[in-house]
C-alpha atoms as a PDB file:
ATOM      1  CA  MET A   1      -3.009  20.355 -16.873  1.00  0.00           C
ATOM      2  CA  GLU A   2      -2.937  21.730 -13.347  1.00  0.00           C
ATOM      3  CA  LEU A   3      -6.576  20.758 -12.794  1.00  0.00           C
ATOM      4  CA  ALA A   4      -5.865  17.185 -13.887  1.00  0.00           C
ATOM      5  CA  ASP A   5      -2.896  16.973 -11.515  1.00  0.00           C
ATOM      6  CA  ARG A   6      -5.038  18.227  -8.647  1.00  0.00           C
ATOM      7  CA  ALA A   7      -7.768  15.710  -9.481  1.00  0.00           C
ATOM      8  CA  VAL A   8      -5.285  12.826  -9.537  1.00  0.00           C
ATOM      9  CA  GLY A   9      -3.774  14.024  -6.265  1.00  0.00           C
ATOM     10  CA  PHE A  10      -7.204  14.259  -4.675  1.00  0.00           C
ATOM     11  CA  ILE A  11      -8.158  10.757  -5.835  1.00  0.00           C
ATOM     12  CA  LEU A  12      -4.869   9.311  -4.551  1.00  0.00           C
ATOM     13  CA  SER A  13      -5.378  11.073  -1.213  1.00  0.00           C
ATOM     14  CA  VAL A  14      -8.895   9.678  -0.845  1.00  0.00           C
ATOM     15  CA  ILE A  15      -7.684   6.165  -1.689  1.00  0.00           C
ATOM     16  CA  SER A  16      -4.798   6.443   0.789  1.00  0.00           C
ATOM     17  CA  ILE A  17      -7.032   7.717   3.592  1.00  0.00           C
ATOM     18  CA  SER A  18      -9.556   4.947   2.888  1.00  0.00           C
ATOM     19  CA  ILE A  19      -6.904   2.224   3.009  1.00  0.00           C
ATOM     20  CA  PHE A  20      -5.392   3.697   6.185  1.00  0.00           C
ATOM     21  CA  THR A  21      -8.804   3.888   7.884  1.00  0.00           C
ATOM     22  CA  TYR A  22      -9.738   0.335   6.855  1.00  0.00           C
ATOM     23  CA  TYR A  23      -6.400  -1.116   7.980  1.00  0.00           C
ATOM     24  CA  THR A  24      -6.402   0.819  11.264  1.00  0.00           C
ATOM     25  CA  PHE A  25      -9.917  -0.336  12.093  1.00  0.00           C
ATOM     26  CA  TRP A  26      -9.010  -3.890  11.081  1.00  0.00           C
ATOM     27  CA  VAL A  27      -5.848  -4.113  13.189  1.00  0.00           C
ATOM     28  CA  ILE A  28      -6.565  -1.880  16.198  1.00  0.00           C
ATOM     29  CA  ILE A  29     -10.321  -1.908  16.808  1.00  0.00           C
ATOM     30  CA  LEU A  30     -11.568  -5.224  15.401  1.00  0.00           C
ATOM     31  CA  PRO A  31      -9.741  -7.471  17.918  1.00  0.00           C
ATOM     32  CA  PHE A  32     -11.875  -5.911  20.681  1.00  0.00           C
ATOM     33  CA  VAL A  33     -15.171  -6.655  18.896  1.00  0.00           C
ATOM     34  CA  ASP A  34     -16.924  -9.988  19.504  1.00  0.00           C
ATOM     35  CA  THR A  35     -16.130 -12.576  16.834  1.00  0.00           C
ATOM     36  CA  ASP A  36     -19.813 -13.225  16.122  1.00  0.00           C
ATOM     37  CA  HIS A  37     -20.513  -9.548  15.364  1.00  0.00           C
ATOM     38  CA  PHE A  38     -21.667  -8.820  11.781  1.00  0.00           C
ATOM     39  CA  ILE A  39     -18.783  -6.387  11.163  1.00  0.00           C
ATOM     40  CA  HIS A  40     -16.288  -9.279  10.939  1.00  0.00           C
ATOM     41  CA  LYS A  41     -17.709 -10.379   7.582  1.00  0.00           C
ATOM     42  CA  TYR A  42     -16.312  -7.197   5.958  1.00  0.00           C
ATOM     43  CA  PHE A  43     -12.699  -7.988   6.902  1.00  0.00           C
ATOM     44  CA  LEU A  44     -10.220 -10.689   5.962  1.00  0.00           C
ATOM     45  CA  PRO A  45      -8.808 -13.029   8.616  1.00  0.00           C
ATOM     46  CA  TRP A  46      -6.322 -11.360  10.934  1.00  0.00           C
ATOM     47  CA  GLU A  47      -3.322 -13.226   9.501  1.00  0.00           C
ATOM     48  CA  PHE A  48      -3.618 -11.183   6.325  1.00  0.00           C
ATOM     49  CA  ALA A  49      -3.134  -7.986   8.339  1.00  0.00           C
ATOM     50  CA  ILE A  50       0.506  -9.033   8.629  1.00  0.00           C
ATOM     51  CA  LEU A  51       1.008 -10.782   5.292  1.00  0.00           C
ATOM     52  CA  ILE A  52      -0.354  -8.029   3.017  1.00  0.00           C
ATOM     53  CA  PRO A  53       1.993  -5.241   4.275  1.00  0.00           C
ATOM     54  CA  ILE A  54       4.968  -7.616   4.219  1.00  0.00           C
ATOM     55  CA  PHE A  55       4.194  -8.625   0.629  1.00  0.00           C
ATOM     56  CA  ALA A  56       3.665  -4.987  -0.385  1.00  0.00           C
ATOM     57  CA  GLY A  57       6.938  -3.937   1.267  1.00  0.00           C
ATOM     58  CA  VAL A  58       8.968  -6.708  -0.361  1.00  0.00           C
ATOM     59  CA  THR A  59       7.418  -5.917  -3.744  1.00  0.00           C
ATOM     60  CA  LEU A  60       8.102  -2.192  -3.372  1.00  0.00           C
ATOM     61  CA  LEU A  61      11.687  -2.799  -2.277  1.00  0.00           C
ATOM     62  CA  SER A  62      12.266  -5.209  -5.185  1.00  0.00           C
ATOM     63  CA  LEU A  63      10.895  -2.761  -7.740  1.00  0.00           C
ATOM     64  CA  LEU A  64      12.996   0.030  -6.249  1.00  0.00           C
ATOM     65  CA  CYS A  65      16.150  -2.073  -6.483  1.00  0.00           C
ATOM     66  CA  ILE A  66      15.362  -3.026 -10.081  1.00  0.00           C
ATOM     67  CA  PHE A  67      14.803   0.643 -10.970  1.00  0.00           C
ATOM     68  CA  ILE A  68      18.086   1.700  -9.346  1.00  0.00           C
ATOM     69  CA  GLY A  69      19.913  -1.112 -11.143  1.00  0.00           C
ATOM     70  CA  ILE A  70      18.510  -0.080 -14.519  1.00  0.00           C
ATOM     71  CA  VAL A  71      19.447   3.566 -13.919  1.00  0.00           C
ATOM     72  CA  MET A  72      22.969   2.558 -12.915  1.00  0.00           C
ATOM     73  CA  LEU A  73      23.382   0.400 -16.034  1.00  0.00           C
ATOM     74  CA  LYS A  74      22.142   3.196 -18.292  1.00  0.00           C
ATOM     75  CA  SER A  75      24.478   5.737 -16.704  1.00  0.00           C
ATOM     76  CA  LYS A  76      27.392   3.333 -17.086  1.00  0.00           C
ATOM     77  CA  LYS A  77      26.633   2.943 -20.809  1.00  0.00           C
ATOM     78  CA  LYS A  78      26.561   6.727 -21.283  1.00  0.00           C
ATOM     79  CA  LYS A  79      30.050   7.099 -19.761  1.00  0.00           C
ATOM     80  CA  ALA A  80      31.510   4.457 -22.056  1.00  0.00           C
END
């Protein structure tokens, strides 16, 4: 089981580093590259650089609040 946990951790680390590198290049470096350069076809329009993290943050916060609410309701039922 330990090997499987390490494999999952490694895969999640690689995915996280890839997303971080892509987003960093997209937001920090790409604005300084000419708009007619071929590299721009690999990236979404710049507006999405703001909208995607906002949507992800709101979704994560909503799911966290739902989870906390469910846990609180279950603990309240156990006391009663």
